[in-house]
Amino acid sequence: IEHALKKDPQTSYAHRNLGLYWIQTVNKAEALAELKKAYNLNPSTDQIHFWLGKAQADNNQKDEACRTWKKGEAIGDEEAAAERKKNCR
């Protein structure tokens, strides 16, 4: 991931993957920061709505998470739709 970011710091997939790494290491703030970068670089990044929403929820930003999952649902992201259905009104 670090190599990909050095080569092109504007690669949304590398930022997404770094965010996933931080989720696995339970560094919630870093996960959220990297997933936001990925989303801002390319909101079409695969599964970004699901993972960004998860990071937002993990950082006590439930309303933001629900909005993110709703956006994902609107573009056909089934995992985001399932999280929205499970966690949001």
PDB file of N, CA and C in Angstrom:
ATOM      1  N   ILE A   1       0.834  -1.185   0.000  1.00  0.00           N
ATOM      2  CA  ILE A   1       0.000   0.000   0.000  1.00  0.00           C
ATOM      3  C   ILE A   1       0.881   1.250   0.000  1.00  0.00           C
ATOM      4  N   GLU A   2       1.903   1.232   0.838  1.00  0.00           N
ATOM      5  CA  GLU A   2       2.795   2.396   0.904  1.00  0.00           C
ATOM      6  C   GLU A   2       3.455   2.652  -0.440  1.00  0.00           C
ATOM      7  N   HIS A   3       3.861   1.603  -1.127  1.00  0.00           N
ATOM      8  CA  HIS A   3       4.479   1.740  -2.447  1.00  0.00           C
ATOM      9  C   HIS A   3       3.502   2.371  -3.436  1.00  0.00           C
ATOM     10  N   ALA A   4       2.267   1.903  -3.418  1.00  0.00           N
ATOM     11  CA  ALA A   4       1.256   2.451  -4.323  1.00  0.00           C
ATOM     12  C   ALA A   4       1.014   3.929  -4.036  1.00  0.00           C
ATOM     13  N   LEU A   5       0.973   4.302  -2.761  1.00  0.00           N
ATOM     14  CA  LEU A   5       0.749   5.703  -2.401  1.00  0.00           C
ATOM     15  C   LEU A   5       1.941   6.583  -2.748  1.00  0.00           C
ATOM     16  N   LYS A   6       3.159   6.039  -2.645  1.00  0.00           N
ATOM     17  CA  LYS A   6       4.330   6.815  -3.049  1.00  0.00           C
ATOM     18  C   LYS A   6       4.325   7.043  -4.550  1.00  0.00           C
ATOM     19  N   LYS A   7       3.925   6.023  -5.280  1.00  0.00           N
ATOM     20  CA  LYS A   7       3.878   6.118  -6.730  1.00  0.00           C
ATOM     21  C   LYS A   7       2.783   7.083  -7.201  1.00  0.00           C
ATOM     22  N   ASP A   8       1.615   7.010  -6.539  1.00  0.00           N
ATOM     23  CA  ASP A   8       0.497   7.886  -6.887  1.00  0.00           C
ATOM     24  C   ASP A   8      -0.343   8.144  -5.644  1.00  0.00           C
ATOM     25  N   PRO A   9      -0.110   9.263  -4.961  1.00  0.00           N
ATOM     26  CA  PRO A   9      -0.845   9.547  -3.728  1.00  0.00           C
ATOM     27  C   PRO A   9      -2.338   9.831  -3.948  1.00  0.00           C
ATOM     28  N   GLN A  10      -2.755   9.891  -5.199  1.00  0.00           N
ATOM     29  CA  GLN A  10      -4.153  10.150  -5.507  1.00  0.00           C
ATOM     30  C   GLN A  10      -4.913   8.874  -5.877  1.00  0.00           C
ATOM     31  N   THR A  11      -4.389   7.725  -5.503  1.00  0.00           N
ATOM     32  CA  THR A  11      -5.019   6.448  -5.806  1.00  0.00           C
ATOM     33  C   THR A  11      -6.055   6.113  -4.734  1.00  0.00           C
ATOM     34  N   SER A  12      -7.313   6.188  -5.100  1.00  0.00           N
ATOM     35  CA  SER A  12      -8.378   5.957  -4.122  1.00  0.00           C
ATOM     36  C   SER A  12      -8.354   4.534  -3.572  1.00  0.00           C
ATOM     37  N   TYR A  13      -8.013   3.569  -4.416  1.00  0.00           N
ATOM     38  CA  TYR A  13      -7.993   2.180  -3.942  1.00  0.00           C
ATOM     39  C   TYR A  13      -6.915   1.960  -2.893  1.00  0.00           C
ATOM     40  N   ALA A  14      -5.777   2.600  -3.018  1.00  0.00           N
ATOM     41  CA  ALA A  14      -4.730   2.467  -2.015  1.00  0.00           C
ATOM     42  C   ALA A  14      -5.178   3.083  -0.688  1.00  0.00           C
ATOM     43  N   HIS A  15      -5.838   4.228  -0.751  1.00  0.00           N
ATOM     44  CA  HIS A  15      -6.349   4.846   0.478  1.00  0.00           C
ATOM     45  C   HIS A  15      -7.437   3.975   1.098  1.00  0.00           C
ATOM     46  N   ARG A  16      -8.299   3.396   0.244  1.00  0.00           N
ATOM     47  CA  ARG A  16      -9.327   2.491   0.772  1.00  0.00           C
ATOM     48  C   ARG A  16      -8.664   1.307   1.472  1.00  0.00           C
ATOM     49  N   ASN A  17      -7.693   0.714   0.830  1.00  0.00           N
ATOM     50  CA  ASN A  17      -7.034  -0.452   1.412  1.00  0.00           C
ATOM     51  C   ASN A  17      -6.288  -0.102   2.694  1.00  0.00           C
ATOM     52  N   LEU A  18      -5.703   1.079   2.753  1.00  0.00           N
ATOM     53  CA  LEU A  18      -5.063   1.515   3.988  1.00  0.00           C
ATOM     54  C   LEU A  18      -6.113   1.706   5.087  1.00  0.00           C
ATOM     55  N   GLY A  19      -7.269   2.243   4.711  1.00  0.00           N
ATOM     56  CA  GLY A  19      -8.370   2.361   5.666  1.00  0.00           C
ATOM     57  C   GLY A  19      -8.809   1.004   6.195  1.00  0.00           C
ATOM     58  N   LEU A  20      -8.860   0.009   5.317  1.00  0.00           N
ATOM     59  CA  LEU A  20      -9.231  -1.344   5.745  1.00  0.00           C
ATOM     60  C   LEU A  20      -8.177  -1.921   6.687  1.00  0.00           C
ATOM     61  N   TYR A  21      -6.928  -1.625   6.399  1.00  0.00           N
ATOM     62  CA  TYR A  21      -5.849  -2.046   7.305  1.00  0.00           C
ATOM     63  C   TYR A  21      -6.065  -1.443   8.697  1.00  0.00           C
ATOM     64  N   TRP A  22      -6.367  -0.146   8.733  1.00  0.00           N
ATOM     65  CA  TRP A  22      -6.560   0.513  10.028  1.00  0.00           C
ATOM     66  C   TRP A  22      -7.789  -0.036  10.744  1.00  0.00           C
ATOM     67  N   ILE A  23      -8.832  -0.406  10.007  1.00  0.00           N
ATOM     68  CA  ILE A  23      -9.993  -1.036  10.649  1.00  0.00           C
ATOM     69  C   ILE A  23      -9.558  -2.326  11.333  1.00  0.00           C
ATOM     70  N   GLN A  24      -8.750  -3.120  10.647  1.00  0.00           N
ATOM     71  CA  GLN A  24      -8.308  -4.400  11.202  1.00  0.00           C
ATOM     72  C   GLN A  24      -7.419  -4.224  12.427  1.00  0.00           C
ATOM     73  N   THR A  25      -6.677  -3.131  12.474  1.00  0.00           N
ATOM     74  CA  THR A  25      -5.807  -2.885  13.622  1.00  0.00           C
ATOM     75  C   THR A  25      -6.512  -2.059  14.697  1.00  0.00           C
ATOM     76  N   VAL A  26      -7.775  -1.826  14.505  1.00  0.00           N
ATOM     77  CA  VAL A  26      -8.638  -1.110  15.440  1.00  0.00           C
ATOM     78  C   VAL A  26      -8.162   0.328  15.683  1.00  0.00           C
ATOM     79  N   ASN A  27      -7.667   0.958  14.647  1.00  0.00           N
ATOM     80  CA  ASN A  27      -7.325   2.375  14.720  1.00  0.00           C
ATOM     81  C   ASN A  27      -8.429   3.131  13.993  1.00  0.00           C
ATOM     82  N   LYS A  28      -9.500   3.404  14.740  1.00  0.00           N
ATOM     83  CA  LYS A  28     -10.728   3.939  14.149  1.00  0.00           C
ATOM     84  C   LYS A  28     -10.543   5.298  13.486  1.00  0.00           C
ATOM     85  N   ALA A  29      -9.779   6.172  14.100  1.00  0.00           N
ATOM     86  CA  ALA A  29      -9.591   7.519  13.554  1.00  0.00           C
ATOM     87  C   ALA A  29      -8.819   7.474  12.238  1.00  0.00           C
ATOM     88  N   GLU A  30      -7.750   6.685  12.195  1.00  0.00           N
ATOM     89  CA  GLU A  30      -6.974   6.561  10.955  1.00  0.00           C
ATOM     90  C   GLU A  30      -7.794   5.907   9.855  1.00  0.00           C
ATOM     91  N   ALA A  31      -8.577   4.895  10.221  1.00  0.00           N
ATOM     92  CA  ALA A  31      -9.437   4.222   9.238  1.00  0.00           C
ATOM     93  C   ALA A  31     -10.388   5.229   8.607  1.00  0.00           C
ATOM     94  N   LEU A  32     -11.025   6.024   9.432  1.00  0.00           N
ATOM     95  CA  LEU A  32     -11.971   7.020   8.928  1.00  0.00           C
ATOM     96  C   LEU A  32     -11.272   8.032   8.025  1.00  0.00           C
ATOM     97  N   ALA A  33     -10.114   8.503   8.436  1.00  0.00           N
ATOM     98  CA  ALA A  33      -9.389   9.500   7.644  1.00  0.00           C
ATOM     99  C   ALA A  33      -9.030   8.950   6.264  1.00  0.00           C
ATOM    100  N   GLU A  34      -8.514   7.728   6.211  1.00  0.00           N
ATOM    101  CA  GLU A  34      -8.113   7.144   4.926  1.00  0.00           C
ATOM    102  C   GLU A  34      -9.314   6.842   4.043  1.00  0.00           C
ATOM    103  N   LEU A  35     -10.397   6.359   4.635  1.00  0.00           N
ATOM    104  CA  LEU A  35     -11.585   6.055   3.830  1.00  0.00           C
ATOM    105  C   LEU A  35     -12.236   7.330   3.302  1.00  0.00           C
ATOM    106  N   LYS A  36     -12.178   8.403   4.080  1.00  0.00           N
ATOM    107  CA  LYS A  36     -12.672   9.696   3.581  1.00  0.00           C
ATOM    108  C   LYS A  36     -11.831  10.171   2.400  1.00  0.00           C
ATOM    109  N   LYS A  37     -10.504  10.006   2.509  1.00  0.00           N
ATOM    110  CA  LYS A  37      -9.634  10.383   1.388  1.00  0.00           C
ATOM    111  C   LYS A  37     -10.001   9.596   0.145  1.00  0.00           C
ATOM    112  N   ALA A  38     -10.196   8.297   0.306  1.00  0.00           N
ATOM    113  CA  ALA A  38     -10.553   7.451  -0.835  1.00  0.00           C
ATOM    114  C   ALA A  38     -11.866   7.916  -1.453  1.00  0.00           C
ATOM    115  N   TYR A  39     -12.851   8.189  -0.620  1.00  0.00           N
ATOM    116  CA  TYR A  39     -14.159   8.632  -1.110  1.00  0.00           C
ATOM    117  C   TYR A  39     -14.035   9.970  -1.836  1.00  0.00           C
ATOM    118  N   ASN A  40     -13.294  10.890  -1.257  1.00  0.00           N
ATOM    119  CA  ASN A  40     -13.147  12.208  -1.879  1.00  0.00           C
ATOM    120  C   ASN A  40     -12.392  12.138  -3.203  1.00  0.00           C
ATOM    121  N   LEU A  41     -11.454  11.212  -3.304  1.00  0.00           N
ATOM    122  CA  LEU A  41     -10.724  11.039  -4.562  1.00  0.00           C
ATOM    123  C   LEU A  41     -11.588  10.398  -5.640  1.00  0.00           C
ATOM    124  N   ASN A  42     -12.412   9.424  -5.233  1.00  0.00           N
ATOM    125  CA  ASN A  42     -13.251   8.715  -6.211  1.00  0.00           C
ATOM    126  C   ASN A  42     -14.398   8.016  -5.494  1.00  0.00           C
ATOM    127  N   PRO A  43     -15.591   8.647  -5.473  1.00  0.00           N
ATOM    128  CA  PRO A  43     -16.722   8.035  -4.780  1.00  0.00           C
ATOM    129  C   PRO A  43     -17.231   6.752  -5.451  1.00  0.00           C
ATOM    130  N   SER A  44     -16.643   6.394  -6.575  1.00  0.00           N
ATOM    131  CA  SER A  44     -17.009   5.141  -7.242  1.00  0.00           C
ATOM    132  C   SER A  44     -16.077   3.988  -6.872  1.00  0.00           C
ATOM    133  N   THR A  45     -15.144   4.218  -5.973  1.00  0.00           N
ATOM    134  CA  THR A  45     -14.237   3.167  -5.525  1.00  0.00           C
ATOM    135  C   THR A  45     -15.062   2.002  -4.982  1.00  0.00           C
ATOM    136  N   ASP A  46     -14.698   0.809  -5.378  1.00  0.00           N
ATOM    137  CA  ASP A  46     -15.440  -0.391  -5.002  1.00  0.00           C
ATOM    138  C   ASP A  46     -15.638  -0.490  -3.490  1.00  0.00           C
ATOM    139  N   GLN A  47     -16.872  -0.656  -3.066  1.00  0.00           N
ATOM    140  CA  GLN A  47     -17.286  -0.840  -1.667  1.00  0.00           C
ATOM    141  C   GLN A  47     -16.978   0.348  -0.758  1.00  0.00           C
ATOM    142  N   ILE A  48     -16.695   1.499  -1.308  1.00  0.00           N
ATOM    143  CA  ILE A  48     -16.319   2.637  -0.471  1.00  0.00           C
ATOM    144  C   ILE A  48     -17.460   3.095   0.423  1.00  0.00           C
ATOM    145  N   HIS A  49     -18.689   3.032  -0.052  1.00  0.00           N
ATOM    146  CA  HIS A  49     -19.819   3.469   0.780  1.00  0.00           C
ATOM    147  C   HIS A  49     -20.001   2.550   1.987  1.00  0.00           C
ATOM    148  N   PHE A  50     -19.864   1.265   1.763  1.00  0.00           N
ATOM    149  CA  PHE A  50     -19.980   0.312   2.863  1.00  0.00           C
ATOM    150  C   PHE A  50     -18.906   0.569   3.919  1.00  0.00           C
ATOM    151  N   TRP A  51     -17.648   0.623   3.478  1.00  0.00           N
ATOM    152  CA  TRP A  51     -16.541   0.753   4.432  1.00  0.00           C
ATOM    153  C   TRP A  51     -16.484   2.123   5.087  1.00  0.00           C
ATOM    154  N   LEU A  52     -16.737   3.181   4.320  1.00  0.00           N
ATOM    155  CA  LEU A  52     -16.740   4.522   4.918  1.00  0.00           C
ATOM    156  C   LEU A  52     -17.849   4.619   5.957  1.00  0.00           C
ATOM    157  N   GLY A  53     -19.017   4.104   5.637  1.00  0.00           N
ATOM    158  CA  GLY A  53     -20.112   4.105   6.612  1.00  0.00           C
ATOM    159  C   GLY A  53     -19.745   3.335   7.866  1.00  0.00           C
ATOM    160  N   LYS A  54     -19.087   2.207   7.694  1.00  0.00           N
ATOM    161  CA  LYS A  54     -18.658   1.414   8.852  1.00  0.00           C
ATOM    162  C   LYS A  54     -17.680   2.211   9.714  1.00  0.00           C
ATOM    163  N   ALA A  55     -16.723   2.871   9.082  1.00  0.00           N
ATOM    164  CA  ALA A  55     -15.756   3.675   9.836  1.00  0.00           C
ATOM    165  C   ALA A  55     -16.452   4.846  10.540  1.00  0.00           C
ATOM    166  N   GLN A  56     -17.414   5.453   9.872  1.00  0.00           N
ATOM    167  CA  GLN A  56     -18.153   6.544  10.505  1.00  0.00           C
ATOM    168  C   GLN A  56     -18.916   6.030  11.725  1.00  0.00           C
ATOM    169  N   ALA A  57     -19.574   4.890  11.570  1.00  0.00           N
ATOM    170  CA  ALA A  57     -20.299   4.302  12.697  1.00  0.00           C
ATOM    171  C   ALA A  57     -19.346   3.962  13.840  1.00  0.00           C
ATOM    172  N   ASP A  58     -18.190   3.410  13.513  1.00  0.00           N
ATOM    173  CA  ASP A  58     -17.193   3.060  14.530  1.00  0.00           C
ATOM    174  C   ASP A  58     -16.673   4.291  15.266  1.00  0.00           C
ATOM    175  N   ASN A  59     -16.786   5.460  14.630  1.00  0.00           N
ATOM    176  CA  ASN A  59     -16.330   6.722  15.235  1.00  0.00           C
ATOM    177  C   ASN A  59     -17.501   7.537  15.777  1.00  0.00           C
ATOM    178  N   ASN A  60     -18.589   6.855  16.100  1.00  0.00           N
ATOM    179  CA  ASN A  60     -19.779   7.485  16.691  1.00  0.00           C
ATOM    180  C   ASN A  60     -20.383   8.570  15.814  1.00  0.00           C
ATOM    181  N   GLN A  61     -20.345   8.362  14.497  1.00  0.00           N
ATOM    182  CA  GLN A  61     -20.956   9.281  13.538  1.00  0.00           C
ATOM    183  C   GLN A  61     -22.092   8.548  12.808  1.00  0.00           C
ATOM    184  N   LYS A  62     -23.067   8.101  13.591  1.00  0.00           N
ATOM    185  CA  LYS A  62     -24.130   7.249  13.047  1.00  0.00           C
ATOM    186  C   LYS A  62     -24.931   7.944  11.947  1.00  0.00           C
ATOM    187  N   ASP A  63     -25.269   9.204  12.128  1.00  0.00           N
ATOM    188  CA  ASP A  63     -26.050   9.909  11.102  1.00  0.00           C
ATOM    189  C   ASP A  63     -25.281   9.975   9.786  1.00  0.00           C
ATOM    190  N   GLU A  64     -23.989  10.274   9.880  1.00  0.00           N
ATOM    191  CA  GLU A  64     -23.151  10.304   8.670  1.00  0.00           C
ATOM    192  C   GLU A  64     -23.078   8.923   8.039  1.00  0.00           C
ATOM    193  N   ALA A  65     -22.929   7.901   8.869  1.00  0.00           N
ATOM    194  CA  ALA A  65     -22.865   6.532   8.357  1.00  0.00           C
ATOM    195  C   ALA A  65     -24.141   6.186   7.604  1.00  0.00           C
ATOM    196  N   CYS A  66     -25.274   6.528   8.164  1.00  0.00           N
ATOM    197  CA  CYS A  66     -26.553   6.234   7.504  1.00  0.00           C
ATOM    198  C   CYS A  66     -26.670   6.964   6.172  1.00  0.00           C
ATOM    199  N   ARG A  67     -26.204   8.203   6.125  1.00  0.00           N
ATOM    200  CA  ARG A  67     -26.242   8.947   4.860  1.00  0.00           C
ATOM    201  C   ARG A  67     -25.315   8.301   3.826  1.00  0.00           C
ATOM    202  N   THR A  68     -24.138   7.876   4.272  1.00  0.00           N
ATOM    203  CA  THR A  68     -23.188   7.240   3.367  1.00  0.00           C
ATOM    204  C   THR A  68     -23.752   5.929   2.840  1.00  0.00           C
ATOM    205  N   TRP A  69     -24.303   5.103   3.725  1.00  0.00           N
ATOM    206  CA  TRP A  69     -24.895   3.834   3.294  1.00  0.00           C
ATOM    207  C   TRP A  69     -26.067   4.062   2.350  1.00  0.00           C
ATOM    208  N   LYS A  70     -26.834   5.132   2.605  1.00  0.00           N
ATOM    209  CA  LYS A  70     -27.969   5.442   1.722  1.00  0.00           C
ATOM    210  C   LYS A  70     -27.469   5.796   0.315  1.00  0.00           C
ATOM    211  N   LYS A  71     -26.393   6.570   0.236  1.00  0.00           N
ATOM    212  CA  LYS A  71     -25.803   6.893  -1.069  1.00  0.00           C
ATOM    213  C   LYS A  71     -25.347   5.622  -1.770  1.00  0.00           C
ATOM    214  N   GLY A  72     -24.725   4.720  -1.031  1.00  0.00           N
ATOM    215  CA  GLY A  72     -24.288   3.459  -1.601  1.00  0.00           C
ATOM    216  C   GLY A  72     -25.457   2.626  -2.085  1.00  0.00           C
ATOM    217  N   GLU A  73     -26.494   2.589  -1.292  1.00  0.00           N
ATOM    218  CA  GLU A  73     -27.705   1.844  -1.677  1.00  0.00           C
ATOM    219  C   GLU A  73     -28.271   2.387  -2.978  1.00  0.00           C
ATOM    220  N   ALA A  74     -28.255   3.706  -3.121  1.00  0.00           N
ATOM    221  CA  ALA A  74     -28.817   4.349  -4.314  1.00  0.00           C
ATOM    222  C   ALA A  74     -28.070   3.967  -5.589  1.00  0.00           C
ATOM    223  N   ILE A  75     -26.803   3.581  -5.456  1.00  0.00           N
ATOM    224  CA  ILE A  75     -26.045   3.199  -6.652  1.00  0.00           C
ATOM    225  C   ILE A  75     -25.861   1.685  -6.756  1.00  0.00           C
ATOM    226  N   GLY A  76     -26.615   0.949  -5.924  1.00  0.00           N
ATOM    227  CA  GLY A  76     -26.615  -0.498  -6.053  1.00  0.00           C
ATOM    228  C   GLY A  76     -25.630  -1.261  -5.196  1.00  0.00           C
ATOM    229  N   ASP A  77     -25.041  -0.624  -4.197  1.00  0.00           N
ATOM    230  CA  ASP A  77     -24.119  -1.306  -3.290  1.00  0.00           C
ATOM    231  C   ASP A  77     -24.950  -2.110  -2.283  1.00  0.00           C
ATOM    232  N   GLU A  78     -25.011  -3.420  -2.482  1.00  0.00           N
ATOM    233  CA  GLU A  78     -25.847  -4.272  -1.643  1.00  0.00           C
ATOM    234  C   GLU A  78     -25.373  -4.335  -0.192  1.00  0.00           C
ATOM    235  N   GLU A  79     -24.072  -4.300   0.022  1.00  0.00           N
ATOM    236  CA  GLU A  79     -23.559  -4.333   1.396  1.00  0.00           C
ATOM    237  C   GLU A  79     -23.914  -3.048   2.145  1.00  0.00           C
ATOM    238  N   ALA A  80     -23.819  -1.922   1.455  1.00  0.00           N
ATOM    239  CA  ALA A  80     -24.207  -0.648   2.072  1.00  0.00           C
ATOM    240  C   ALA A  80     -25.700  -0.660   2.375  1.00  0.00           C
ATOM    241  N   ALA A  81     -26.486  -1.186   1.465  1.00  0.00           N
ATOM    242  CA  ALA A  81     -27.940  -1.261   1.680  1.00  0.00           C
ATOM    243  C   ALA A  81     -28.259  -2.129   2.894  1.00  0.00           C
ATOM    244  N   ALA A  82     -27.572  -3.252   3.040  1.00  0.00           N
ATOM    245  CA  ALA A  82     -27.810  -4.143   4.167  1.00  0.00           C
ATOM    246  C   ALA A  82     -27.432  -3.465   5.482  1.00  0.00           C
ATOM    247  N   GLU A  83     -26.316  -2.738   5.500  1.00  0.00           N
ATOM    248  CA  GLU A  83     -25.910  -2.032   6.727  1.00  0.00           C
ATOM    249  C   GLU A  83     -26.910  -0.934   7.076  1.00  0.00           C
ATOM    250  N   ARG A  84     -27.383  -0.235   6.069  1.00  0.00           N
ATOM    251  CA  ARG A  84     -28.372   0.814   6.303  1.00  0.00           C
ATOM    252  C   ARG A  84     -29.637   0.213   6.901  1.00  0.00           C
ATOM    253  N   LYS A  85     -30.076  -0.889   6.322  1.00  0.00           N
ATOM    254  CA  LYS A  85     -31.298  -1.548   6.800  1.00  0.00           C
ATOM    255  C   LYS A  85     -31.120  -2.042   8.237  1.00  0.00           C
ATOM    256  N   LYS A  86     -29.927  -2.534   8.559  1.00  0.00           N
ATOM    257  CA  LYS A  86     -29.651  -3.088   9.882  1.00  0.00           C
ATOM    258  C   LYS A  86     -29.468  -2.000  10.944  1.00  0.00           C
ATOM    259  N   ASN A  87     -28.893  -0.843  10.558  1.00  0.00           N
ATOM    260  CA  ASN A  87     -28.478   0.144  11.551  1.00  0.00           C
ATOM    261  C   ASN A  87     -29.209   1.484  11.539  1.00  0.00           C
ATOM    262  N   CYS A  88     -30.004   1.737  10.519  1.00  0.00           N
ATOM    263  CA  CYS A  88     -30.615   3.064  10.378  1.00  0.00           C
ATOM    264  C   CYS A  88     -32.138   2.956  10.343  1.00  0.00           C
ATOM    265  N   ARG A  89     -32.768   4.050  10.676  1.00  0.00           N
ATOM    266  CA  ARG A  89     -34.237   4.070  10.625  1.00  0.00           C
ATOM    267  C   ARG A  89     -34.726   4.225   9.221  1.00  0.00           C
TER     268      ARG A  89
END
